[in-house]
């Protein structure tokens, strides 16, 4: 879940952004009172994060790179794609 703090940091590169517990969110020591742009950025960043779920799932599913290289060495590149890569891609298709 993308937070208002993360969105504020993304919108304010180079500025000092901090959150002080329940007191509030500050940009360069000025308390944020209007969250309109920040909330829009939260939605944008969350959509980007959600769209990459397939990639995060694939990364977890693939075997370690050393094992994949060993498989390629012994079985060839095409067999590696067929046996290791394609099943994971089929299981976690990229959303269009």
C-alpha atoms as a PDB file:
ATOM      1  CA  UNK A   1       0.000   0.000   0.000  1.00  0.00           C
ATOM      2  CA  UNK A   2       1.479   3.307  -1.090  1.00  0.00           C
ATOM      3  CA  UNK A   3       1.390   5.900   1.688  1.00  0.00           C
ATOM      4  CA  UNK A   4       0.880   9.643   1.622  1.00  0.00           C
ATOM      5  CA  UNK A   5       4.452   9.983   2.845  1.00  0.00           C
ATOM      6  CA  UNK A   6       5.807   8.043  -0.154  1.00  0.00           C
ATOM      7  CA  UNK A   7       3.680  10.092  -2.549  1.00  0.00           C
ATOM      8  CA  UNK A   8       4.831  13.334  -0.933  1.00  0.00           C
ATOM      9  CA  UNK A   9       8.461  12.307  -1.323  1.00  0.00           C
ATOM     10  CA  UNK A  10       7.829  11.444  -4.976  1.00  0.00           C
ATOM     11  CA  UNK A  11       6.218  14.836  -5.596  1.00  0.00           C
ATOM     12  CA  UNK A  12       8.869  16.830  -3.729  1.00  0.00           C
ATOM     13  CA  UNK A  13      12.262  15.618  -4.896  1.00  0.00           C
ATOM     14  CA  UNK A  14      15.056  17.537  -3.221  1.00  0.00           C
ATOM     15  CA  UNK A  15      12.892  18.821  -0.392  1.00  0.00           C
ATOM     16  CA  UNK A  16      12.906  17.715   3.220  1.00  0.00           C
ATOM     17  CA  UNK A  17       9.787  15.597   3.763  1.00  0.00           C
ATOM     18  CA  UNK A  18       9.012  14.078   7.122  1.00  0.00           C
ATOM     19  CA  UNK A  19       6.099  12.705   9.061  1.00  0.00           C
ATOM     20  CA  UNK A  20       5.786  13.389  12.763  1.00  0.00           C
ATOM     21  CA  UNK A  21       3.507  10.650  14.087  1.00  0.00           C
ATOM     22  CA  UNK A  22      -0.044  11.907  14.511  1.00  0.00           C
ATOM     23  CA  UNK A  23       1.013  15.566  14.222  1.00  0.00           C
ATOM     24  CA  UNK A  24       1.223  15.535  10.464  1.00  0.00           C
ATOM     25  CA  UNK A  25       3.235  15.569   7.297  1.00  0.00           C
ATOM     26  CA  UNK A  26       5.746  18.347   6.627  1.00  0.00           C
ATOM     27  CA  UNK A  27       7.566  19.629   3.552  1.00  0.00           C
ATOM     28  CA  UNK A  28      10.534  21.853   4.376  1.00  0.00           C
ATOM     29  CA  UNK A  29       9.122  22.432   7.891  1.00  0.00           C
ATOM     30  CA  UNK A  30       5.705  23.504   6.536  1.00  0.00           C
ATOM     31  CA  UNK A  31       2.770  21.356   7.601  1.00  0.00           C
ATOM     32  CA  UNK A  32       0.765  19.885   4.711  1.00  0.00           C
ATOM     33  CA  UNK A  33      -2.901  20.801   5.009  1.00  0.00           C
ATOM     34  CA  UNK A  34      -4.117  20.118   1.449  1.00  0.00           C
ATOM     35  CA  UNK A  35      -3.684  16.509   0.371  1.00  0.00           C
ATOM     36  CA  UNK A  36      -5.382  16.801  -3.045  1.00  0.00           C
ATOM     37  CA  UNK A  37      -2.217  16.415  -5.170  1.00  0.00           C
ATOM     38  CA  UNK A  38      -0.691  13.958  -2.723  1.00  0.00           C
ATOM     39  CA  UNK A  39      -3.761  11.708  -2.823  1.00  0.00           C
ATOM     40  CA  UNK A  40      -3.698  11.801  -6.652  1.00  0.00           C
ATOM     41  CA  UNK A  41      -0.048  10.730  -6.535  1.00  0.00           C
ATOM     42  CA  UNK A  42      -0.911   7.923  -4.098  1.00  0.00           C
ATOM     43  CA  UNK A  43      -3.414   6.552  -6.632  1.00  0.00           C
ATOM     44  CA  UNK A  44      -0.899   6.882  -9.476  1.00  0.00           C
ATOM     45  CA  UNK A  45       1.897   5.154  -7.563  1.00  0.00           C
ATOM     46  CA  UNK A  46      -0.446   2.417  -6.328  1.00  0.00           C
ATOM     47  CA  UNK A  47      -1.609   1.732  -9.892  1.00  0.00           C
ATOM     48  CA  UNK A  48       2.023   1.456 -11.037  1.00  0.00           C
ATOM     49  CA  UNK A  49       2.819  -0.874  -8.136  1.00  0.00           C
ATOM     50  CA  UNK A  50      -0.247  -3.049  -8.785  1.00  0.00           C
ATOM     51  CA  UNK A  51       0.583  -3.280 -12.502  1.00  0.00           C
ATOM     52  CA  UNK A  52       3.949  -4.843 -11.615  1.00  0.00           C
ATOM     53  CA  UNK A  53       2.538  -7.654  -9.466  1.00  0.00           C
ATOM     54  CA  UNK A  54       3.234 -10.203 -12.204  1.00  0.00           C
ATOM     55  CA  UNK A  55       6.934  -9.211 -12.208  1.00  0.00           C
ATOM     56  CA  UNK A  56       7.243  -9.548  -8.437  1.00  0.00           C
ATOM     57  CA  UNK A  57       5.573 -12.971  -8.578  1.00  0.00           C
ATOM     58  CA  UNK A  58       7.841 -14.126 -11.395  1.00  0.00           C
ATOM     59  CA  UNK A  59      10.962 -13.024  -9.539  1.00  0.00           C
ATOM     60  CA  UNK A  60       9.991 -15.175  -6.555  1.00  0.00           C
ATOM     61  CA  UNK A  61       9.097 -18.164  -8.722  1.00  0.00           C
ATOM     62  CA  UNK A  62      12.235 -18.361 -10.870  1.00  0.00           C
ATOM     63  CA  UNK A  63      15.031 -20.566  -9.527  1.00  0.00           C
ATOM     64  CA  UNK A  64      18.294 -18.918  -8.452  1.00  0.00           C
ATOM     65  CA  UNK A  65      20.346 -17.621 -11.390  1.00  0.00           C
ATOM     66  CA  UNK A  66      23.170 -20.114 -10.749  1.00  0.00           C
ATOM     67  CA  UNK A  67      20.687 -22.982 -11.121  1.00  0.00           C
ATOM     68  CA  UNK A  68      19.298 -21.469 -14.317  1.00  0.00           C
ATOM     69  CA  UNK A  69      22.768 -21.079 -15.827  1.00  0.00           C
ATOM     70  CA  UNK A  70      23.607 -24.657 -14.941  1.00  0.00           C
ATOM     71  CA  UNK A  71      20.367 -25.795 -16.584  1.00  0.00           C
ATOM     72  CA  UNK A  72      21.225 -23.835 -19.737  1.00  0.00           C
ATOM     73  CA  UNK A  73      24.738 -25.316 -19.817  1.00  0.00           C
ATOM     74  CA  UNK A  74      23.450 -28.890 -19.589  1.00  0.00           C
ATOM     75  CA  UNK A  75      20.217 -28.568 -21.584  1.00  0.00           C
ATOM     76  CA  UNK A  76      20.622 -25.589 -23.915  1.00  0.00           C
ATOM     77  CA  UNK A  77      19.034 -22.179 -24.171  1.00  0.00           C
ATOM     78  CA  UNK A  78      15.834 -23.271 -25.922  1.00  0.00           C
ATOM     79  CA  UNK A  79      15.184 -26.014 -23.359  1.00  0.00           C
ATOM     80  CA  UNK A  80      15.754 -23.487 -20.528  1.00  0.00           C
ATOM     81  CA  UNK A  81      13.187 -21.138 -22.057  1.00  0.00           C
ATOM     82  CA  UNK A  82      10.729 -24.003 -22.525  1.00  0.00           C
ATOM     83  CA  UNK A  83      11.161 -25.666 -19.122  1.00  0.00           C
ATOM     84  CA  UNK A  84      11.972 -22.786 -16.767  1.00  0.00           C
ATOM     85  CA  UNK A  85      10.982 -19.441 -18.220  1.00  0.00           C
ATOM     86  CA  UNK A  86       7.759 -20.130 -20.098  1.00  0.00           C
ATOM     87  CA  UNK A  87       5.924 -21.985 -17.287  1.00  0.00           C
ATOM     88  CA  UNK A  88       6.502 -19.032 -14.954  1.00  0.00           C
ATOM     89  CA  UNK A  89       5.421 -16.543 -17.594  1.00  0.00           C
ATOM     90  CA  UNK A  90       2.299 -18.624 -18.234  1.00  0.00           C
ATOM     91  CA  UNK A  91       1.534 -18.778 -14.509  1.00  0.00           C
ATOM     92  CA  UNK A  92       1.972 -15.008 -14.058  1.00  0.00           C
ATOM     93  CA  UNK A  93       1.063 -13.329 -17.365  1.00  0.00           C
ATOM     94  CA  UNK A  94       1.857  -9.677 -17.920  1.00  0.00           C
ATOM     95  CA  UNK A  95      -1.248  -7.507 -17.734  1.00  0.00           C
ATOM     96  CA  UNK A  96      -1.846  -5.356 -20.780  1.00  0.00           C
END
